[in-house]
Amino acid sequence: MSDTTSAPVPAPAAGCPRCDHPRLTTVTTSPVPGVWDVLQCTRCLYMWRTTEPERRTRREAYPAEFRLSEADIDGAIEMPAVPPLVTG
Protein backbone atom coordinates (compact mmCIF):
# COMPACT_ATOMS: atom_id res chain seq x y z
CA MET A 1 0.00 0.00 0.00
CA SER A 2 1.38 3.42 -0.86
CA ASP A 3 1.16 6.56 1.19
CA THR A 4 1.05 9.62 -1.06
CA THR A 5 2.30 12.86 0.44
CA SER A 6 0.53 15.83 -1.07
CA ALA A 7 2.94 18.55 0.05
CA PRO A 8 6.16 18.89 -1.96
CA VAL A 9 9.34 18.23 -0.06
CA PRO A 10 12.67 19.96 -0.72
CA ALA A 11 14.64 18.21 -3.43
CA PRO A 12 18.12 16.81 -3.03
CA ALA A 13 20.85 19.32 -3.88
CA ALA A 14 20.70 18.40 -7.58
CA GLY A 15 16.90 18.66 -8.06
CA CYS A 16 15.01 16.58 -10.61
CA PRO A 17 17.32 14.45 -12.77
CA ARG A 18 15.21 15.10 -15.88
CA CYS A 19 14.29 18.82 -15.66
CA ASP A 20 16.39 20.14 -12.74
CA HIS A 21 13.31 21.46 -10.89
CA PRO A 22 14.05 21.84 -7.16
CA ARG A 23 10.68 20.61 -5.82
CA LEU A 24 9.85 16.92 -5.41
CA THR A 25 7.06 14.97 -3.75
CA THR A 26 7.63 11.74 -1.83
CA VAL A 27 5.13 9.29 -3.35
CA THR A 28 5.88 6.33 -1.11
CA THR A 29 8.57 4.92 1.16
CA SER A 30 9.94 1.45 1.73
CA PRO A 31 8.24 -0.84 4.24
CA VAL A 32 11.53 -0.82 6.13
CA PRO A 33 12.05 2.80 7.22
CA GLY A 34 14.98 4.63 5.65
CA VAL A 35 15.77 2.08 2.92
CA TRP A 36 14.34 3.91 -0.12
CA ASP A 37 11.79 6.52 -1.19
CA VAL A 38 9.94 6.99 -4.48
CA LEU A 39 10.15 10.64 -5.52
CA GLN A 40 8.26 12.56 -8.19
CA CYS A 41 9.11 15.91 -9.76
CA THR A 42 6.29 18.44 -9.37
CA ARG A 43 7.05 20.01 -12.78
CA CYS A 44 7.77 17.20 -15.27
CA LEU A 45 6.25 14.32 -13.23
CA TYR A 46 9.39 12.14 -13.58
CA MET A 47 9.40 9.45 -10.88
CA TRP A 48 12.26 7.37 -9.45
CA ARG A 49 13.32 5.31 -6.46
CA THR A 50 16.24 6.74 -4.51
CA THR A 51 18.17 3.44 -4.80
CA GLU A 52 18.28 3.54 -8.61
CA PRO A 53 21.63 4.10 -10.38
CA GLU A 54 23.00 7.63 -10.75
CA ARG A 55 21.95 7.77 -14.43
CA ARG A 56 18.36 7.86 -13.09
CA THR A 57 18.85 9.90 -9.91
CA ARG A 58 21.45 12.62 -10.68
CA ARG A 59 21.07 15.38 -13.29
CA GLU A 60 24.76 15.22 -14.27
CA ALA A 61 24.49 11.50 -15.06
CA TYR A 62 20.98 11.56 -16.61
CA PRO A 63 21.17 10.98 -20.41
CA ALA A 64 21.37 14.37 -22.16
CA GLU A 65 18.98 13.30 -24.92
CA PHE A 66 16.20 12.80 -22.34
CA ARG A 67 16.74 15.96 -20.29
CA LEU A 68 14.03 18.60 -20.37
CA SER A 69 14.17 22.34 -19.87
CA GLU A 70 11.38 24.56 -18.56
CA ALA A 71 10.92 25.78 -22.15
CA ASP A 72 10.54 22.18 -23.40
CA ILE A 73 7.79 21.53 -20.86
CA ASP A 74 6.02 24.87 -21.43
CA GLY A 75 6.16 24.33 -25.21
CA ALA A 76 4.74 20.82 -25.15
CA ILE A 77 1.48 20.78 -27.05
CA GLU A 78 -0.21 18.00 -25.11
CA MET A 79 0.36 14.90 -23.04
CA PRO A 80 0.50 11.86 -25.38
CA ALA A 81 -2.65 9.74 -25.19
CA VAL A 82 -2.41 6.23 -23.78
CA PRO A 83 -3.57 3.79 -26.46
CA PRO A 84 -6.50 1.48 -25.64
CA LEU A 85 -5.67 -1.82 -23.96
CA VAL A 86 -5.42 -4.66 -26.45
CA THR A 87 -7.38 -7.68 -25.28
CA GLY A 88 -7.46 -11.03 -26.85
PDB file of N, CA and C in Angstrom:
ATOM      1  N   MET A   1       0.846  -1.172   0.000  1.00  0.00           N
ATOM      2  CA  MET A   1       0.000   0.000   0.000  1.00  0.00           C
ATOM      3  C   MET A   1       0.887   1.229   0.000  1.00  0.00           C
ATOM      4  N   SER A   2       0.567   2.217  -0.804  1.00  0.00           N
ATOM      5  CA  SER A   2       1.381   3.421  -0.863  1.00  0.00           C
ATOM      6  C   SER A   2       0.750   4.535  -0.048  1.00  0.00           C
ATOM      7  N   ASP A   3       1.599   5.417   0.407  1.00  0.00           N
ATOM      8  CA  ASP A   3       1.164   6.563   1.189  1.00  0.00           C
ATOM      9  C   ASP A   3       1.616   7.802   0.439  1.00  0.00           C
ATOM     10  N   THR A   4       0.702   8.471  -0.247  1.00  0.00           N
ATOM     11  CA  THR A   4       1.053   9.624  -1.062  1.00  0.00           C
ATOM     12  C   THR A   4       1.073  10.878  -0.201  1.00  0.00           C
ATOM     13  N   THR A   5       2.169  11.599  -0.265  1.00  0.00           N
ATOM     14  CA  THR A   5       2.304  12.858   0.442  1.00  0.00           C
ATOM     15  C   THR A   5       1.924  13.967  -0.515  1.00  0.00           C
ATOM     16  N   SER A   6       0.983  14.808  -0.140  1.00  0.00           N
ATOM     17  CA  SER A   6       0.526  15.834  -1.065  1.00  0.00           C
ATOM     18  C   SER A   6       1.422  17.062  -1.090  1.00  0.00           C
ATOM     19  N   ALA A   7       2.097  17.357   0.000  1.00  0.00           N
ATOM     20  CA  ALA A   7       2.945  18.552   0.049  1.00  0.00           C
ATOM     21  C   ALA A   7       4.316  18.247  -0.532  1.00  0.00           C
ATOM     22  N   PRO A   8       4.817  19.105  -1.430  1.00  0.00           N
ATOM     23  CA  PRO A   8       6.158  18.888  -1.963  1.00  0.00           C
ATOM     24  C   PRO A   8       7.202  18.989  -0.866  1.00  0.00           C
ATOM     25  N   VAL A   9       8.235  18.190  -1.004  1.00  0.00           N
ATOM     26  CA  VAL A   9       9.344  18.234  -0.063  1.00  0.00           C
ATOM     27  C   VAL A   9      10.548  18.824  -0.773  1.00  0.00           C
ATOM     28  N   PRO A  10      11.477  19.422  -0.054  1.00  0.00           N
ATOM     29  CA  PRO A  10      12.668  19.958  -0.717  1.00  0.00           C
ATOM     30  C   PRO A  10      13.416  18.854  -1.452  1.00  0.00           C
ATOM     31  N   ALA A  11      13.909  19.170  -2.622  1.00  0.00           N
ATOM     32  CA  ALA A  11      14.644  18.208  -3.428  1.00  0.00           C
ATOM     33  C   ALA A  11      16.064  18.037  -2.906  1.00  0.00           C
ATOM     34  N   PRO A  12      16.703  16.927  -3.300  1.00  0.00           N
ATOM     35  CA  PRO A  12      18.123  16.809  -3.027  1.00  0.00           C
ATOM     36  C   PRO A  12      18.847  17.974  -3.709  1.00  0.00           C
ATOM     37  N   ALA A  13      20.092  18.175  -3.376  1.00  0.00           N
ATOM     38  CA  ALA A  13      20.852  19.318  -3.883  1.00  0.00           C
ATOM     39  C   ALA A  13      20.772  19.461  -5.403  1.00  0.00           C
ATOM     40  N   ALA A  14      20.686  18.351  -6.129  1.00  0.00           N
ATOM     41  CA  ALA A  14      20.702  18.402  -7.584  1.00  0.00           C
ATOM     42  C   ALA A  14      19.330  18.630  -8.210  1.00  0.00           C
ATOM     43  N   GLY A  15      18.230  18.499  -7.493  1.00  0.00           N
ATOM     44  CA  GLY A  15      16.896  18.659  -8.065  1.00  0.00           C
ATOM     45  C   GLY A  15      16.507  17.460  -8.900  1.00  0.00           C
ATOM     46  N   CYS A  16      15.509  17.655  -9.755  1.00  0.00           N
ATOM     47  CA  CYS A  16      15.014  16.578 -10.608  1.00  0.00           C
ATOM     48  C   CYS A  16      16.080  16.185 -11.633  1.00  0.00           C
ATOM     49  N   PRO A  17      16.343  14.887 -11.782  1.00  0.00           N
ATOM     50  CA  PRO A  17      17.325  14.454 -12.772  1.00  0.00           C
ATOM     51  C   PRO A  17      16.932  14.811 -14.201  1.00  0.00           C
ATOM     52  N   ARG A  18      15.642  14.844 -14.509  1.00  0.00           N
ATOM     53  CA  ARG A  18      15.214  15.103 -15.878  1.00  0.00           C
ATOM     54  C   ARG A  18      15.111  16.586 -16.209  1.00  0.00           C
ATOM     55  N   CYS A  19      14.506  17.406 -15.305  1.00  0.00           N
ATOM     56  CA  CYS A  19      14.286  18.816 -15.665  1.00  0.00           C
ATOM     57  C   CYS A  19      14.956  19.806 -14.711  1.00  0.00           C
ATOM     58  N   ASP A  20      15.639  19.315 -13.682  1.00  0.00           N
ATOM     59  CA  ASP A  20      16.389  20.137 -12.736  1.00  0.00           C
ATOM     60  C   ASP A  20      15.509  21.025 -11.851  1.00  0.00           C
ATOM     61  N   HIS A  21      14.217  20.713 -11.770  1.00  0.00           N
ATOM     62  CA  HIS A  21      13.315  21.461 -10.892  1.00  0.00           C
ATOM     63  C   HIS A  21      13.641  21.120  -9.437  1.00  0.00           C
ATOM     64  N   PRO A  22      13.635  22.095  -8.541  1.00  0.00           N
ATOM     65  CA  PRO A  22      14.054  21.838  -7.164  1.00  0.00           C
ATOM     66  C   PRO A  22      12.989  21.225  -6.253  1.00  0.00           C
ATOM     67  N   ARG A  23      11.739  21.113  -6.701  1.00  0.00           N
ATOM     68  CA  ARG A  23      10.684  20.608  -5.817  1.00  0.00           C
ATOM     69  C   ARG A  23      10.237  19.207  -6.210  1.00  0.00           C
ATOM     70  N   LEU A  24      10.256  18.307  -5.218  1.00  0.00           N
ATOM     71  CA  LEU A  24       9.852  16.918  -5.410  1.00  0.00           C
ATOM     72  C   LEU A  24       8.802  16.550  -4.376  1.00  0.00           C
ATOM     73  N   THR A  25       8.033  15.516  -4.688  1.00  0.00           N
ATOM     74  CA  THR A  25       7.063  14.965  -3.755  1.00  0.00           C
ATOM     75  C   THR A  25       7.483  13.536  -3.452  1.00  0.00           C
ATOM     76  N   THR A  26       7.401  13.138  -2.200  1.00  0.00           N
ATOM     77  CA  THR A  26       7.626  11.744  -1.830  1.00  0.00           C
ATOM     78  C   THR A  26       6.314  11.003  -2.067  1.00  0.00           C
ATOM     79  N   VAL A  27       6.332  10.040  -2.987  1.00  0.00           N
ATOM     80  CA  VAL A  27       5.132   9.295  -3.348  1.00  0.00           C
ATOM     81  C   VAL A  27       4.910   8.144  -2.380  1.00  0.00           C
ATOM     82  N   THR A  28       5.967   7.432  -2.060  1.00  0.00           N
ATOM     83  CA  THR A  28       5.880   6.333  -1.107  1.00  0.00           C
ATOM     84  C   THR A  28       7.262   6.059  -0.533  1.00  0.00           C
ATOM     85  N   THR A  29       7.310   5.295   0.523  1.00  0.00           N
ATOM     86  CA  THR A  29       8.571   4.915   1.155  1.00  0.00           C
ATOM     87  C   THR A  29       8.604   3.409   1.341  1.00  0.00           C
ATOM     88  N   SER A  30       9.790   2.891   1.568  1.00  0.00           N
ATOM     89  CA  SER A  30       9.940   1.449   1.733  1.00  0.00           C
ATOM     90  C   SER A  30       9.259   0.981   3.016  1.00  0.00           C
ATOM     91  N   PRO A  31       8.841  -0.293   3.030  1.00  0.00           N
ATOM     92  CA  PRO A  31       8.237  -0.840   4.244  1.00  0.00           C
ATOM     93  C   PRO A  31       9.218  -0.840   5.423  1.00  0.00           C
ATOM     94  N   VAL A  32      10.503  -0.916   5.097  1.00  0.00           N
ATOM     95  CA  VAL A  32      11.532  -0.821   6.132  1.00  0.00           C
ATOM     96  C   VAL A  32      11.991   0.629   6.145  1.00  0.00           C
ATOM     97  N   PRO A  33      11.733   1.369   7.200  1.00  0.00           N
ATOM     98  CA  PRO A  33      12.049   2.800   7.223  1.00  0.00           C
ATOM     99  C   PRO A  33      13.503   3.111   6.868  1.00  0.00           C
ATOM    100  N   GLY A  34      13.655   4.139   6.003  1.00  0.00           N
ATOM    101  CA  GLY A  34      14.979   4.633   5.646  1.00  0.00           C
ATOM    102  C   GLY A  34      15.700   3.892   4.547  1.00  0.00           C
ATOM    103  N   VAL A  35      15.087   2.860   3.954  1.00  0.00           N
ATOM    104  CA  VAL A  35      15.767   2.082   2.918  1.00  0.00           C
ATOM    105  C   VAL A  35      15.682   2.770   1.563  1.00  0.00           C
ATOM    106  N   TRP A  36      14.505   3.186   1.138  1.00  0.00           N
ATOM    107  CA  TRP A  36      14.335   3.908  -0.116  1.00  0.00           C
ATOM    108  C   TRP A  36      13.055   4.723  -0.071  1.00  0.00           C
ATOM    109  N   ASP A  37      12.984   5.714  -0.977  1.00  0.00           N
ATOM    110  CA  ASP A  37      11.786   6.518  -1.194  1.00  0.00           C
ATOM    111  C   ASP A  37      11.525   6.547  -2.694  1.00  0.00           C
ATOM    112  N   VAL A  38      10.275   6.720  -3.086  1.00  0.00           N
ATOM    113  CA  VAL A  38       9.936   6.985  -4.478  1.00  0.00           C
ATOM    114  C   VAL A  38       9.590   8.470  -4.538  1.00  0.00           C
ATOM    115  N   LEU A  39      10.324   9.196  -5.379  1.00  0.00           N
ATOM    116  CA  LEU A  39      10.154  10.637  -5.517  1.00  0.00           C
ATOM    117  C   LEU A  39       9.541  10.968  -6.866  1.00  0.00           C
ATOM    118  N   GLN A  40       8.817  12.089  -6.935  1.00  0.00           N
ATOM    119  CA  GLN A  40       8.255  12.561  -8.195  1.00  0.00           C
ATOM    120  C   GLN A  40       8.483  14.056  -8.303  1.00  0.00           C
ATOM    121  N   CYS A  41       8.927  14.497  -9.468  1.00  0.00           N
ATOM    122  CA  CYS A  41       9.112  15.915  -9.756  1.00  0.00           C
ATOM    123  C   CYS A  41       7.741  16.575  -9.898  1.00  0.00           C
ATOM    124  N   THR A  42       7.571  17.745  -9.284  1.00  0.00           N
ATOM    125  CA  THR A  42       6.286  18.443  -9.368  1.00  0.00           C
ATOM    126  C   THR A  42       6.103  19.186 -10.692  1.00  0.00           C
ATOM    127  N   ARG A  43       7.168  19.318 -11.491  1.00  0.00           N
ATOM    128  CA  ARG A  43       7.046  20.011 -12.779  1.00  0.00           C
ATOM    129  C   ARG A  43       6.892  19.024 -13.935  1.00  0.00           C
ATOM    130  N   CYS A  44       7.824  18.090 -14.105  1.00  0.00           N
ATOM    131  CA  CYS A  44       7.774  17.202 -15.275  1.00  0.00           C
ATOM    132  C   CYS A  44       7.166  15.831 -14.973  1.00  0.00           C
ATOM    133  N   LEU A  45       6.886  15.558 -13.700  1.00  0.00           N
ATOM    134  CA  LEU A  45       6.254  14.324 -13.234  1.00  0.00           C
ATOM    135  C   LEU A  45       7.153  13.090 -13.318  1.00  0.00           C
ATOM    136  N   TYR A  46       8.445  13.265 -13.580  1.00  0.00           N
ATOM    137  CA  TYR A  46       9.388  12.139 -13.579  1.00  0.00           C
ATOM    138  C   TYR A  46       9.381  11.510 -12.190  1.00  0.00           C
ATOM    139  N   MET A  47       9.466  10.183 -12.129  1.00  0.00           N
ATOM    140  CA  MET A  47       9.398   9.452 -10.876  1.00  0.00           C
ATOM    141  C   MET A  47      10.551   8.457 -10.800  1.00  0.00           C
ATOM    142  N   TRP A  48      11.165   8.317  -9.621  1.00  0.00           N
ATOM    143  CA  TRP A  48      12.261   7.372  -9.451  1.00  0.00           C
ATOM    144  C   TRP A  48      12.400   6.967  -7.995  1.00  0.00           C
ATOM    145  N   ARG A  49      13.012   5.792  -7.803  1.00  0.00           N
ATOM    146  CA  ARG A  49      13.318   5.306  -6.463  1.00  0.00           C
ATOM    147  C   ARG A  49      14.734   5.763  -6.124  1.00  0.00           C
ATOM    148  N   THR A  50      14.947   6.171  -4.905  1.00  0.00           N
ATOM    149  CA  THR A  50      16.235   6.737  -4.506  1.00  0.00           C
ATOM    150  C   THR A  50      17.385   5.738  -4.583  1.00  0.00           C
ATOM    151  N   THR A  51      17.107   4.458  -4.702  1.00  0.00           N
ATOM    152  CA  THR A  51      18.170   3.443  -4.799  1.00  0.00           C
ATOM    153  C   THR A  51      18.553   3.118  -6.242  1.00  0.00           C
ATOM    154  N   GLU A  52      17.937   3.789  -7.211  1.00  0.00           N
ATOM    155  CA  GLU A  52      18.279   3.538  -8.609  1.00  0.00           C
ATOM    156  C   GLU A  52      19.672   4.085  -8.916  1.00  0.00           C
ATOM    157  N   PRO A  53      20.285   3.632 -10.025  1.00  0.00           N
ATOM    158  CA  PRO A  53      21.626   4.101 -10.381  1.00  0.00           C
ATOM    159  C   PRO A  53      21.654   5.610 -10.653  1.00  0.00           C
ATOM    160  N   GLU A  54      22.835   6.187 -10.574  1.00  0.00           N
ATOM    161  CA  GLU A  54      22.999   7.629 -10.751  1.00  0.00           C
ATOM    162  C   GLU A  54      22.452   8.131 -12.079  1.00  0.00           C
ATOM    163  N   ARG A  55      22.469   7.322 -13.132  1.00  0.00           N
ATOM    164  CA  ARG A  55      21.950   7.770 -14.432  1.00  0.00           C
ATOM    165  C   ARG A  55      20.438   8.015 -14.370  1.00  0.00           C
ATOM    166  N   ARG A  56      19.796   7.609 -13.288  1.00  0.00           N
ATOM    167  CA  ARG A  56      18.365   7.855 -13.095  1.00  0.00           C
ATOM    168  C   ARG A  56      18.085   8.840 -11.955  1.00  0.00           C
ATOM    169  N   THR A  57      19.084   9.093 -11.115  1.00  0.00           N
ATOM    170  CA  THR A  57      18.854   9.898  -9.907  1.00  0.00           C
ATOM    171  C   THR A  57      19.630  11.207  -9.842  1.00  0.00           C
ATOM    172  N   ARG A  58      20.631  11.397 -10.702  1.00  0.00           N
ATOM    173  CA  ARG A  58      21.447  12.621 -10.683  1.00  0.00           C
ATOM    174  C   ARG A  58      21.404  13.310 -12.036  1.00  0.00           C
ATOM    175  N   ARG A  59      21.169  14.594 -12.046  1.00  0.00           N
ATOM    176  CA  ARG A  59      21.072  15.378 -13.293  1.00  0.00           C
ATOM    177  C   ARG A  59      22.325  15.229 -14.148  1.00  0.00           C
ATOM    178  N   GLU A  60      23.489  15.279 -13.528  1.00  0.00           N
ATOM    179  CA  GLU A  60      24.759  15.219 -14.270  1.00  0.00           C
ATOM    180  C   GLU A  60      24.936  13.888 -14.991  1.00  0.00           C
ATOM    181  N   ALA A  61      24.340  12.816 -14.471  1.00  0.00           N
ATOM    182  CA  ALA A  61      24.488  11.495 -15.063  1.00  0.00           C
ATOM    183  C   ALA A  61      23.281  11.092 -15.912  1.00  0.00           C
ATOM    184  N   TYR A  62      22.197  11.863 -15.839  1.00  0.00           N
ATOM    185  CA  TYR A  62      20.978  11.558 -16.607  1.00  0.00           C
ATOM    186  C   TYR A  62      21.280  11.766 -18.099  1.00  0.00           C
ATOM    187  N   PRO A  63      20.848  10.858 -18.979  1.00  0.00           N
ATOM    188  CA  PRO A  63      21.169  10.981 -20.408  1.00  0.00           C
ATOM    189  C   PRO A  63      20.718  12.325 -20.990  1.00  0.00           C
ATOM    190  N   ALA A  64      21.634  13.025 -21.611  1.00  0.00           N
ATOM    191  CA  ALA A  64      21.368  14.368 -22.157  1.00  0.00           C
ATOM    192  C   ALA A  64      20.203  14.382 -23.142  1.00  0.00           C
ATOM    193  N   GLU A  65      20.050  13.321 -23.921  1.00  0.00           N
ATOM    194  CA  GLU A  65      18.978  13.301 -24.923  1.00  0.00           C
ATOM    195  C   GLU A  65      17.576  13.220 -24.305  1.00  0.00           C
ATOM    196  N   PHE A  66      17.496  12.882 -23.011  1.00  0.00           N
ATOM    197  CA  PHE A  66      16.200  12.796 -22.339  1.00  0.00           C
ATOM    198  C   PHE A  66      15.969  13.921 -21.336  1.00  0.00           C
ATOM    199  N   ARG A  67      16.925  14.823 -21.197  1.00  0.00           N
ATOM    200  CA  ARG A  67      16.743  15.955 -20.285  1.00  0.00           C
ATOM    201  C   ARG A  67      15.730  16.939 -20.862  1.00  0.00           C
ATOM    202  N   LEU A  68      14.998  17.596 -19.970  1.00  0.00           N
ATOM    203  CA  LEU A  68      14.026  18.603 -20.372  1.00  0.00           C
ATOM    204  C   LEU A  68      14.369  19.932 -19.734  1.00  0.00           C
ATOM    205  N   SER A  69      14.037  21.007 -20.437  1.00  0.00           N
ATOM    206  CA  SER A  69      14.175  22.341 -19.869  1.00  0.00           C
ATOM    207  C   SER A  69      12.767  22.856 -19.558  1.00  0.00           C
ATOM    208  N   GLU A  70      12.685  23.958 -18.838  1.00  0.00           N
ATOM    209  CA  GLU A  70      11.385  24.557 -18.563  1.00  0.00           C
ATOM    210  C   GLU A  70      10.697  24.939 -19.874  1.00  0.00           C
ATOM    211  N   ALA A  71      11.484  25.414 -20.842  1.00  0.00           N
ATOM    212  CA  ALA A  71      10.924  25.780 -22.150  1.00  0.00           C
ATOM    213  C   ALA A  71      10.366  24.556 -22.881  1.00  0.00           C
ATOM    214  N   ASP A  72      11.042  23.411 -22.777  1.00  0.00           N
ATOM    215  CA  ASP A  72      10.543  22.180 -23.397  1.00  0.00           C
ATOM    216  C   ASP A  72       9.172  21.814 -22.835  1.00  0.00           C
ATOM    217  N   ILE A  73       9.046  21.905 -21.520  1.00  0.00           N
ATOM    218  CA  ILE A  73       7.795  21.532 -20.864  1.00  0.00           C
ATOM    219  C   ILE A  73       6.698  22.537 -21.203  1.00  0.00           C
ATOM    220  N   ASP A  74       7.016  23.831 -21.120  1.00  0.00           N
ATOM    221  CA  ASP A  74       6.024  24.866 -21.432  1.00  0.00           C
ATOM    222  C   ASP A  74       5.580  24.810 -22.892  1.00  0.00           C
ATOM    223  N   GLY A  75       6.467  24.380 -23.784  1.00  0.00           N
ATOM    224  CA  GLY A  75       6.157  24.335 -25.208  1.00  0.00           C
ATOM    225  C   GLY A  75       5.508  23.040 -25.669  1.00  0.00           C
ATOM    226  N   ALA A  76       5.370  22.084 -24.767  1.00  0.00           N
ATOM    227  CA  ALA A  76       4.741  20.816 -25.147  1.00  0.00           C
ATOM    228  C   ALA A  76       3.270  21.059 -25.474  1.00  0.00           C
ATOM    229  N   ILE A  77       2.838  20.550 -26.588  1.00  0.00           N
ATOM    230  CA  ILE A  77       1.478  20.784 -27.048  1.00  0.00           C
ATOM    231  C   ILE A  77       0.466  20.049 -26.180  1.00  0.00           C
ATOM    232  N   GLU A  78       0.717  18.779 -25.916  1.00  0.00           N
ATOM    233  CA  GLU A  78      -0.213  17.997 -25.110  1.00  0.00           C
ATOM    234  C   GLU A  78       0.477  16.756 -24.578  1.00  0.00           C
ATOM    235  N   MET A  79      -0.122  16.161 -23.572  1.00  0.00           N
ATOM    236  CA  MET A  79       0.361  14.901 -23.037  1.00  0.00           C
ATOM    237  C   MET A  79      -0.052  13.801 -24.015  1.00  0.00           C
ATOM    238  N   PRO A  80       0.869  12.930 -24.443  1.00  0.00           N
ATOM    239  CA  PRO A  80       0.501  11.858 -25.375  1.00  0.00           C
ATOM    240  C   PRO A  80      -0.607  10.977 -24.791  1.00  0.00           C
ATOM    241  N   ALA A  81      -1.553  10.594 -25.625  1.00  0.00           N
ATOM    242  CA  ALA A  81      -2.650   9.736 -25.192  1.00  0.00           C
ATOM    243  C   ALA A  81      -2.147   8.315 -24.974  1.00  0.00           C
ATOM    244  N   VAL A  82      -2.716   7.639 -24.016  1.00  0.00           N
ATOM    245  CA  VAL A  82      -2.411   6.229 -23.777  1.00  0.00           C
ATOM    246  C   VAL A  82      -3.317   5.422 -24.693  1.00  0.00           C
ATOM    247  N   PRO A  83      -2.736   4.552 -25.542  1.00  0.00           N
ATOM    248  CA  PRO A  83      -3.572   3.791 -26.464  1.00  0.00           C
ATOM    249  C   PRO A  83      -4.482   2.822 -25.697  1.00  0.00           C
ATOM    250  N   PRO A  84      -5.595   2.420 -26.308  1.00  0.00           N
ATOM    251  CA  PRO A  84      -6.500   1.481 -25.644  1.00  0.00           C
ATOM    252  C   PRO A  84      -5.812   0.146 -25.383  1.00  0.00           C
ATOM    253  N   LEU A  85      -6.206  -0.514 -24.324  1.00  0.00           N
ATOM    254  CA  LEU A  85      -5.670  -1.816 -23.960  1.00  0.00           C
ATOM    255  C   LEU A  85      -6.091  -2.851 -25.006  1.00  0.00           C
ATOM    256  N   VAL A  86      -5.131  -3.613 -25.472  1.00  0.00           N
ATOM    257  CA  VAL A  86      -5.418  -4.661 -26.448  1.00  0.00           C
ATOM    258  C   VAL A  86      -5.787  -5.921 -25.674  1.00  0.00           C
ATOM    259  N   THR A  87      -6.946  -6.435 -25.942  1.00  0.00           N
ATOM    260  CA  THR A  87      -7.375  -7.681 -25.278  1.00  0.00           C
ATOM    261  C   THR A  87      -7.459  -8.789 -26.304  1.00  0.00           C
ATOM    262  N   GLY A  88      -7.311  -9.972 -25.850  1.00  0.00           N
ATOM    263  CA  GLY A  88      -7.459 -11.028 -26.846  1.00  0.00           C
ATOM    264  C   GLY A  88      -6.884 -12.265 -26.458  1.00  0.00           C
TER     265      GLY A  88
END
